[in-house]
Amino acid sequence: MAWPVGQILEEVKILETEVKQFKLELMKICWYMRGSVSIDEIYTMGPEDREICATLIKENIETTKKSGLPFF
């Protein structure tokens, strides 16, 4: 089954958007981890490890909000 060119281009745009979003999420993890995880390390992490990092970040943000300490 062959797709028409227009449909292929549309799918490519969708995939490019997903890749950009994924990269942004990885960069955010690196930023929030304050250098304890490099971009190379984050790219090699599996989905479960990235999810754990994201959970840790979310918990730390909530703790910071509750404590009133500066976050940035």
Protein backbone atom coordinates (compact mmCIF):
# COMPACT_ATOMS: atom_id res chain seq x y z
CA MET A 1 0.00 0.00 0.00
CA ALA A 2 1.49 3.33 -1.04
CA TRP A 3 0.61 6.65 0.51
CA PRO A 4 0.11 9.76 -1.58
CA VAL A 5 2.92 12.33 -1.29
CA GLY A 6 0.70 14.76 0.61
CA GLN A 7 -0.09 12.19 3.27
CA ILE A 8 3.60 11.29 3.62
CA LEU A 9 4.54 14.94 4.07
CA GLU A 10 1.81 15.38 6.66
CA GLU A 11 3.09 12.35 8.58
CA VAL A 12 6.65 13.70 8.41
CA LYS A 13 5.48 16.99 9.95
CA ILE A 14 3.73 15.13 12.76
CA LEU A 15 6.84 13.06 13.47
CA GLU A 16 9.08 16.14 13.40
CA THR A 17 6.82 17.81 15.97
CA GLU A 18 6.96 14.72 18.18
CA VAL A 19 10.76 14.60 17.95
CA LYS A 20 11.02 18.29 18.90
CA GLN A 21 8.73 17.74 21.89
CA PHE A 22 10.78 14.72 22.98
CA LYS A 23 14.02 16.70 22.73
CA LEU A 24 12.49 19.54 24.73
CA GLU A 25 11.48 17.13 27.48
CA LEU A 26 15.02 15.71 27.58
CA MET A 27 16.55 19.17 27.75
CA LYS A 28 14.20 20.13 30.57
CA ILE A 29 15.27 17.09 32.57
CA CYS A 30 18.92 18.07 32.10
CA TRP A 31 18.18 21.64 33.15
CA TYR A 32 16.17 20.68 36.23
CA MET A 33 18.82 18.16 37.27
CA ARG A 34 21.28 21.06 37.38
CA GLY A 35 24.03 19.32 35.45
CA SER A 36 23.90 16.02 37.31
CA VAL A 37 22.67 14.42 34.07
CA SER A 38 24.23 15.28 30.72
CA ILE A 39 22.32 15.35 27.46
CA ASP A 40 24.27 12.29 26.32
CA GLU A 41 23.25 10.42 29.46
CA ILE A 42 19.62 11.42 29.14
CA TYR A 43 19.51 10.18 25.54
CA THR A 44 20.72 6.75 26.67
CA MET A 45 18.18 6.47 29.50
CA GLY A 46 15.21 4.27 28.98
CA PRO A 47 11.64 5.53 29.25
CA GLU A 48 11.24 4.23 32.79
CA ASP A 49 14.34 6.07 34.03
CA ARG A 50 13.23 9.29 32.34
CA GLU A 51 9.82 8.93 33.96
CA ILE A 52 11.49 8.51 37.36
CA CYS A 53 13.55 11.68 36.77
CA ALA A 54 10.41 13.57 35.76
CA THR A 55 8.64 12.40 38.92
CA LEU A 56 11.58 13.47 41.07
CA ILE A 57 11.63 16.88 39.41
CA LYS A 58 7.89 17.33 39.95
CA GLU A 59 8.20 16.38 43.63
CA ASN A 60 11.11 18.80 44.11
CA ILE A 61 9.19 21.64 42.48
CA GLU A 62 6.21 21.00 44.77
CA THR A 63 8.47 20.86 47.84
CA THR A 64 10.11 24.14 46.81
CA LYS A 65 6.70 25.80 46.36
CA LYS A 66 5.52 24.60 49.78
CA SER A 67 8.70 25.68 51.53
CA GLY A 68 8.78 29.11 49.91
CA LEU A 69 12.45 28.72 49.02
CA PRO A 70 13.66 30.14 45.71
CA PHE A 71 13.72 27.60 42.92
CA PHE A 72 15.74 29.34 40.23
